[in-house]
Amino acid sequence: QVQLVESGGGSVQAGGSLRLSCAASGNIAKNYCFGWFRQAPGKEREGVAVIYYGNEGDRTYYADSVQGRFTISQINAASTLYLQMNSLKPEDTGMYYCAARECQNRYLLRTYLSAAGTWTYWGKGTLVTISS
């Protein structure tokens, strides 16, 4: 079991920055993926960024919509995950969720990120609102 608790959401103007945090606890092992997903009102949940935590070192992947603006990272053996969000846009508004799953292949991060239904553990989310 892995428990995930997000924090750091809030309201900022377009162009601003936020850093989301996710406190992870429980049976965190190597070869795990941790991801950030978001869901806007009336839309499906979409993957934003994923980090592979493994023996060969971390590996990351980002959705095209946030590439170059968001950075995912982990510290302390993945006990804390971050999502640094810069140059925020109104379309970044939504509930942001931290998630975790076992990852068999560190080169399939794009596949994992596109399949929210395959993730095992989820936090309750933190709300991000970007005003224009």
C-alpha atoms as a PDB file:
ATOM      1  CA  GLN A   1       0.000   0.000   0.000  1.00  0.00           C
ATOM      2  CA  VAL A   2       1.105   3.543  -0.778  1.00  0.00           C
ATOM      3  CA  GLN A   3      -0.535   6.633   0.666  1.00  0.00           C
ATOM      4  CA  LEU A   4      -0.365   9.950  -1.169  1.00  0.00           C
ATOM      5  CA  VAL A   5      -1.287  13.417   0.101  1.00  0.00           C
ATOM      6  CA  GLU A   6      -1.106  16.472  -2.144  1.00  0.00           C
ATOM      7  CA  SER A   7      -0.652  20.093  -1.122  1.00  0.00           C
ATOM      8  CA  GLY A   8       0.326  23.420  -2.611  1.00  0.00           C
ATOM      9  CA  GLY A   9      -2.647  24.241  -4.784  1.00  0.00           C
ATOM     10  CA  GLY A  10      -4.056  27.742  -4.943  1.00  0.00           C
ATOM     11  CA  SER A  11      -5.119  30.625  -7.143  1.00  0.00           C
ATOM     12  CA  VAL A  12      -2.633  32.624  -9.194  1.00  0.00           C
ATOM     13  CA  GLN A  13      -2.719  34.854 -12.229  1.00  0.00           C
ATOM     14  CA  ALA A  14      -1.623  33.700 -15.635  1.00  0.00           C
ATOM     15  CA  GLY A  15       2.138  33.765 -15.961  1.00  0.00           C
ATOM     16  CA  GLY A  16       2.641  32.930 -12.321  1.00  0.00           C
ATOM     17  CA  SER A  17       4.090  29.857 -10.648  1.00  0.00           C
ATOM     18  CA  LEU A  18       3.040  27.225  -8.138  1.00  0.00           C
ATOM     19  CA  ARG A  19       4.784  24.234  -6.626  1.00  0.00           C
ATOM     20  CA  LEU A  20       2.684  21.219  -5.760  1.00  0.00           C
ATOM     21  CA  SER A  21       3.892  18.674  -3.241  1.00  0.00           C
ATOM     22  CA  CYS A  22       2.917  15.068  -2.703  1.00  0.00           C
ATOM     23  CA  ALA A  23       3.840  13.271   0.506  1.00  0.00           C
ATOM     24  CA  ALA A  24       4.197   9.569  -0.189  1.00  0.00           C
ATOM     25  CA  SER A  25       4.307   6.879   2.484  1.00  0.00           C
ATOM     26  CA  GLY A  26       3.958   3.113   2.753  1.00  0.00           C
ATOM     27  CA  ASN A  27       5.645   0.425   0.676  1.00  0.00           C
ATOM     28  CA  ILE A  28       7.568   2.612  -1.741  1.00  0.00           C
ATOM     29  CA  ALA A  29      10.023   0.540  -3.720  1.00  0.00           C
ATOM     30  CA  LYS A  30      12.350   1.039  -6.647  1.00  0.00           C
ATOM     31  CA  ASN A  31      10.810   0.598 -10.090  1.00  0.00           C
ATOM     32  CA  TYR A  32       7.832   2.691  -9.152  1.00  0.00           C
ATOM     33  CA  CYS A  33       6.355   5.537 -11.176  1.00  0.00           C
ATOM     34  CA  PHE A  34       4.882   8.635  -9.630  1.00  0.00           C
ATOM     35  CA  GLY A  35       2.709  10.879 -11.700  1.00  0.00           C
ATOM     36  CA  TRP A  36       0.747  14.076 -11.628  1.00  0.00           C
ATOM     37  CA  PHE A  37      -2.643  14.128 -13.286  1.00  0.00           C
ATOM     38  CA  ARG A  38      -5.201  16.902 -13.583  1.00  0.00           C
ATOM     39  CA  GLN A  39      -8.888  17.122 -14.231  1.00  0.00           C
ATOM     40  CA  ALA A  40     -10.729  20.232 -15.331  1.00  0.00           C
ATOM     41  CA  PRO A  41     -14.492  20.560 -14.856  1.00  0.00           C
ATOM     42  CA  GLY A  42     -16.320  18.545 -17.479  1.00  0.00           C
ATOM     43  CA  LYS A  43     -13.141  16.979 -18.836  1.00  0.00           C
ATOM     44  CA  GLU A  44     -11.407  13.668 -18.460  1.00  0.00           C
ATOM     45  CA  ARG A  45      -8.441  13.218 -16.182  1.00  0.00           C
ATOM     46  CA  GLU A  46      -5.207  13.732 -18.095  1.00  0.00           C
ATOM     47  CA  GLY A  47      -1.610  12.899 -17.328  1.00  0.00           C
ATOM     48  CA  VAL A  48       0.691  15.873 -16.834  1.00  0.00           C
ATOM     49  CA  ALA A  49       4.065  14.470 -15.793  1.00  0.00           C
ATOM     50  CA  VAL A  50       5.585  11.218 -14.604  1.00  0.00           C
ATOM     51  CA  ILE A  51       8.833  10.265 -12.909  1.00  0.00           C
ATOM     52  CA  TYR A  52      10.298   6.788 -12.827  1.00  0.00           C
ATOM     53  CA  TYR A  53      12.032   5.991  -9.557  1.00  0.00           C
ATOM     54  CA  GLY A  54      14.340   3.072 -10.212  1.00  0.00           C
ATOM     55  CA  ASN A  55      17.707   1.445  -9.793  1.00  0.00           C
ATOM     56  CA  GLU A  56      18.975   3.011 -13.006  1.00  0.00           C
ATOM     57  CA  GLY A  57      18.105   6.490 -11.813  1.00  0.00           C
ATOM     58  CA  ASP A  58      15.151   8.755 -12.347  1.00  0.00           C
ATOM     59  CA  ARG A  59      13.540   9.277 -15.716  1.00  0.00           C
ATOM     60  CA  THR A  60      10.806  11.789 -16.521  1.00  0.00           C
ATOM     61  CA  TYR A  61       8.219  12.429 -19.190  1.00  0.00           C
ATOM     62  CA  TYR A  62       5.836  15.336 -19.726  1.00  0.00           C
ATOM     63  CA  ALA A  63       2.652  15.929 -21.618  1.00  0.00           C
ATOM     64  CA  ASP A  64       3.173  18.206 -24.615  1.00  0.00           C
ATOM     65  CA  SER A  65       0.930  20.839 -23.064  1.00  0.00           C
ATOM     66  CA  VAL A  66       3.292  21.374 -20.117  1.00  0.00           C
ATOM     67  CA  GLN A  67       6.680  20.500 -21.604  1.00  0.00           C
ATOM     68  CA  GLY A  68       9.161  23.256 -20.789  1.00  0.00           C
ATOM     69  CA  ARG A  69       6.913  24.815 -18.149  1.00  0.00           C
ATOM     70  CA  PHE A  70       6.484  22.063 -15.529  1.00  0.00           C
ATOM     71  CA  THR A  71       9.135  20.043 -13.726  1.00  0.00           C
ATOM     72  CA  ILE A  72       8.529  16.864 -11.763  1.00  0.00           C
ATOM     73  CA  SER A  73      11.016  15.735  -9.141  1.00  0.00           C
ATOM     74  CA  GLN A  74      11.374  13.534  -6.093  1.00  0.00           C
ATOM     75  CA  ILE A  75      13.490  13.635  -2.959  1.00  0.00           C
ATOM     76  CA  ASN A  76      14.244  11.352  -0.043  1.00  0.00           C
ATOM     77  CA  ALA A  77      13.651   8.043  -1.792  1.00  0.00           C
ATOM     78  CA  ALA A  78      10.407   9.276  -3.345  1.00  0.00           C
ATOM     79  CA  SER A  79       8.871  10.172  -0.017  1.00  0.00           C
ATOM     80  CA  THR A  80       8.146  13.621  -1.427  1.00  0.00           C
ATOM     81  CA  LEU A  81       7.202  14.454  -4.989  1.00  0.00           C
ATOM     82  CA  TYR A  82       7.086  17.932  -6.461  1.00  0.00           C
ATOM     83  CA  LEU A  83       5.527  19.510  -9.480  1.00  0.00           C
ATOM     84  CA  GLN A  84       7.004  22.925 -10.188  1.00  0.00           C
ATOM     85  CA  MET A  85       4.649  24.809 -12.476  1.00  0.00           C
ATOM     86  CA  ASN A  86       5.825  27.965 -14.225  1.00  0.00           C
ATOM     87  CA  SER A  87       4.296  30.244 -16.850  1.00  0.00           C
ATOM     88  CA  LEU A  88       0.862  29.082 -15.813  1.00  0.00           C
ATOM     89  CA  LYS A  89      -2.071  29.470 -18.182  1.00  0.00           C
ATOM     90  CA  PRO A  90      -5.825  29.528 -17.536  1.00  0.00           C
ATOM     91  CA  GLU A  91      -6.071  26.138 -19.242  1.00  0.00           C
ATOM     92  CA  ASP A  92      -3.883  24.689 -16.478  1.00  0.00           C
ATOM     93  CA  THR A  93      -6.807  25.126 -14.097  1.00  0.00           C
ATOM     94  CA  GLY A  94      -8.064  21.935 -12.510  1.00  0.00           C
ATOM     95  CA  MET A  95      -7.787  19.464  -9.672  1.00  0.00           C
ATOM     96  CA  TYR A  96      -4.293  18.021  -9.560  1.00  0.00           C
ATOM     97  CA  TYR A  97      -3.762  14.476  -8.341  1.00  0.00           C
ATOM     98  CA  CYS A  98      -0.644  12.599  -7.342  1.00  0.00           C
ATOM     99  CA  ALA A  99      -0.583   8.918  -8.310  1.00  0.00           C
ATOM    100  CA  ALA A 100       1.720   5.918  -8.062  1.00  0.00           C
ATOM    101  CA  ARG A 101       2.106   2.526  -9.687  1.00  0.00           C
ATOM    102  CA  GLU A 102       4.682  -0.144 -10.326  1.00  0.00           C
ATOM    103  CA  CYS A 103       6.552   0.389 -13.566  1.00  0.00           C
ATOM    104  CA  GLN A 104       7.964  -2.549 -15.448  1.00  0.00           C
ATOM    105  CA  ASN A 105       9.678  -0.508 -18.151  1.00  0.00           C
ATOM    106  CA  ARG A 106      11.266   2.901 -17.657  1.00  0.00           C
ATOM    107  CA  TYR A 107      10.966   3.563 -21.402  1.00  0.00           C
ATOM    108  CA  LEU A 108       7.165   3.340 -21.424  1.00  0.00           C
ATOM    109  CA  LEU A 109       6.492   6.472 -19.401  1.00  0.00           C
ATOM    110  CA  ARG A 110       4.429   8.039 -22.186  1.00  0.00           C
ATOM    111  CA  THR A 111       2.218   4.965 -22.239  1.00  0.00           C
ATOM    112  CA  TYR A 112       1.812   4.948 -18.490  1.00  0.00           C
ATOM    113  CA  LEU A 113       0.980   8.647 -18.382  1.00  0.00           C
ATOM    114  CA  SER A 114      -1.709   8.267 -21.029  1.00  0.00           C
ATOM    115  CA  ALA A 115      -3.506   5.526 -19.113  1.00  0.00           C
ATOM    116  CA  ALA A 116      -4.805   6.993 -15.860  1.00  0.00           C
ATOM    117  CA  GLY A 117      -6.929   3.921 -15.257  1.00  0.00           C
ATOM    118  CA  THR A 118      -3.867   1.729 -14.826  1.00  0.00           C
ATOM    119  CA  TRP A 119      -2.502   3.669 -11.859  1.00  0.00           C
ATOM    120  CA  THR A 120      -2.911   1.947  -8.500  1.00  0.00           C
ATOM    121  CA  TYR A 121      -2.675   4.617  -5.836  1.00  0.00           C
ATOM    122  CA  TRP A 122      -4.173   8.100  -5.814  1.00  0.00           C
ATOM    123  CA  GLY A 123      -4.256  11.119  -3.565  1.00  0.00           C
ATOM    124  CA  LYS A 124      -7.374  13.196  -3.019  1.00  0.00           C
ATOM    125  CA  GLY A 125      -6.150  16.123  -5.083  1.00  0.00           C
ATOM    126  CA  THR A 126      -5.322  19.795  -4.709  1.00  0.00           C
ATOM    127  CA  LEU A 127      -7.088  22.560  -6.628  1.00  0.00           C
ATOM    128  CA  VAL A 128      -5.225  24.897  -8.965  1.00  0.00           C
ATOM    129  CA  THR A 129      -6.992  27.939 -10.372  1.00  0.00           C
ATOM    130  CA  ILE A 130      -5.339  30.208 -12.915  1.00  0.00           C
ATOM    131  CA  SER A 131      -7.003  33.502 -13.743  1.00  0.00           C
ATOM    132  CA  SER A 132      -6.413  35.485 -16.912  1.00  0.00           C
END
